[in-house]
Amino acid sequence: MRLRNHPKGAAMQEQWKPVAGYEGSYEVSNLGRVKSLARKKLNRGIPTLYREIILKPSCSKKWGYRNIGLYLDGRCVRKKIARLVAEHFIPNPNGFRYTDHINGQKTDDRSENLEWVTGAENLRRAYALGLHKPTPRKIPDDKVFQVKMLVDQGMSIRQASSAVGVKYSSVCTRLRLL
């Protein structure tokens, strides 16, 4: 189910909304940008004037999503920009937990490219676009046997699975069944 708020091809004008929980400090736009607002703040007891600035997002190396660090009371909380945009610009009447990039580009955080989906829909699209590769369902019996032999010789299951080149959690599941 797609919940978009802009027709395809329509030129979008940038709109800004305060970030929930950070009102007066940060705003997020429907184009996927985040800005720090101009404000006075005490910096080591000295009143300091901070100017408004568009923040530069970082990109997670593991997953490739853009995120930003938001500060409140000296604590930094990293937030995914796609999630911020979706929460502030896309209605979620069904209460779906996941945001999905419609075109599959993880760095395109415009509201017109985002939608709320279920976990199953999110995974289905990731497979369809080739963003997620299916993992084999079963570890070959010979690999499990090799791990079992190493464990019988005194190695831990973790060390043995690493030596054989299989996931520890998958081996544990299979060994429990033996």
Foldseek 3Di string as FASTA:
>chain_A
DFFADDDPPDDDDWDWDAQPPQPPAKIAILQLWIKGDWDWDQDVNRTDTDHIDIDDWDADPPQGFTWDWDDDPRDTDIDGSLVRSCVVPTDDPVPADDKAQQVNNRHRNRRRRIGGDHPVVRVVVCVVVVVDDDDDPADDPVLLVQLVVVVVVPDDSCVSCVVSVHDSVRSVVVVVVD
